[in-house]
Amino acid sequence: MQSTGTAYLLWLLGLIGLCGIHRFYCGRPLTGLLWLFTGGLLFIGQFIDLFLIPGMIESNNQRFANLLRRN
């Protein structure tokens, strides 16, 4: 299970040019690559993610919990 605090710490890496690392952590590798190659969509997407991270973490944790229930 991922934590919101870790995602925010990874989000902070965007301030030094590593945008999108938090998206890989949240289970969104395609948009993580997009953020990485476009500078967080010119940092606008990176800023918006500041508010979207809790929902991304909750969604990924729910997906992980559903996978565990199936097995």
Protein backbone atom coordinates (compact mmCIF):
# COMPACT_ATOMS: atom_id res chain seq x y z
CA MET A 1 0.00 0.00 0.00
CA GLN A 2 1.32 3.40 -0.97
CA SER A 3 1.29 6.45 1.24
CA THR A 4 0.31 10.00 0.34
CA GLY A 5 3.35 11.39 2.15
CA THR A 6 5.77 9.42 0.01
CA ALA A 7 3.94 10.54 -3.13
CA TYR A 8 4.29 14.17 -2.06
CA LEU A 9 8.01 13.67 -1.40
CA LEU A 10 8.39 12.25 -4.90
CA TRP A 11 6.31 15.15 -6.25
CA LEU A 12 8.89 17.51 -4.76
CA LEU A 13 11.51 15.99 -7.08
CA GLY A 14 9.72 17.90 -9.82
CA LEU A 15 11.20 21.06 -8.39
CA ILE A 16 14.64 19.85 -9.44
CA GLY A 17 13.52 18.59 -12.84
CA LEU A 18 12.41 15.02 -12.14
CA CYS A 19 8.74 15.56 -12.89
CA GLY A 20 6.43 12.55 -12.96
CA ILE A 21 8.22 10.25 -10.54
CA HIS A 22 5.21 10.45 -8.22
CA ARG A 23 3.00 9.18 -11.07
CA PHE A 24 5.11 6.04 -11.42
CA TYR A 25 4.69 5.52 -7.67
CA CYS A 26 0.91 5.99 -7.99
CA GLY A 27 0.70 3.26 -10.64
CA ARG A 28 0.39 5.55 -13.67
CA PRO A 29 3.48 4.81 -15.77
CA LEU A 30 2.23 6.23 -19.08
CA THR A 31 1.44 9.65 -17.67
CA GLY A 32 4.61 9.39 -15.61
CA LEU A 33 6.61 9.18 -18.83
CA LEU A 34 4.61 12.04 -20.31
CA TRP A 35 5.32 14.21 -17.26
CA LEU A 36 8.99 13.21 -17.31
CA PHE A 37 9.52 14.16 -20.97
CA THR A 38 7.43 17.35 -20.93
CA GLY A 39 8.54 18.81 -17.61
CA GLY A 40 5.26 17.98 -15.92
CA LEU A 41 3.36 19.39 -18.91
CA LEU A 42 5.32 22.63 -18.54
CA PHE A 43 4.88 22.37 -14.76
CA ILE A 44 1.12 23.06 -15.04
CA GLY A 45 0.30 19.36 -14.72
CA GLN A 46 2.79 19.03 -11.91
CA PHE A 47 1.03 21.81 -10.00
CA ILE A 48 -2.41 20.26 -10.60
CA ASP A 49 -1.11 16.93 -9.30
CA LEU A 50 -0.50 18.65 -5.98
CA PHE A 51 -4.27 18.39 -5.49
CA LEU A 52 -4.81 15.07 -7.32
CA ILE A 53 -2.27 12.96 -5.44
CA PRO A 54 -4.59 11.83 -2.61
CA GLY A 55 -7.12 10.52 -5.13
CA MET A 56 -4.44 8.77 -7.19
CA ILE A 57 -3.08 7.04 -4.08
CA GLU A 58 -6.56 5.99 -2.95
CA SER A 59 -7.37 4.64 -6.41
CA ASN A 60 -4.15 2.66 -6.64
CA ASN A 61 -4.54 1.26 -3.12
CA GLN A 62 -8.11 0.19 -3.94
CA ARG A 63 -6.91 -1.51 -7.14
CA PHE A 64 -4.22 -3.32 -5.14
CA ALA A 65 -6.76 -4.41 -2.49
CA ASN A 66 -9.05 -5.81 -5.20
CA LEU A 67 -6.15 -7.81 -6.63
CA LEU A 68 -5.45 -9.30 -3.19
CA ARG A 69 -9.11 -10.25 -2.71
CA ARG A 70 -9.15 -12.14 -6.02
CA ASN A 71 -6.22 -14.32 -4.97
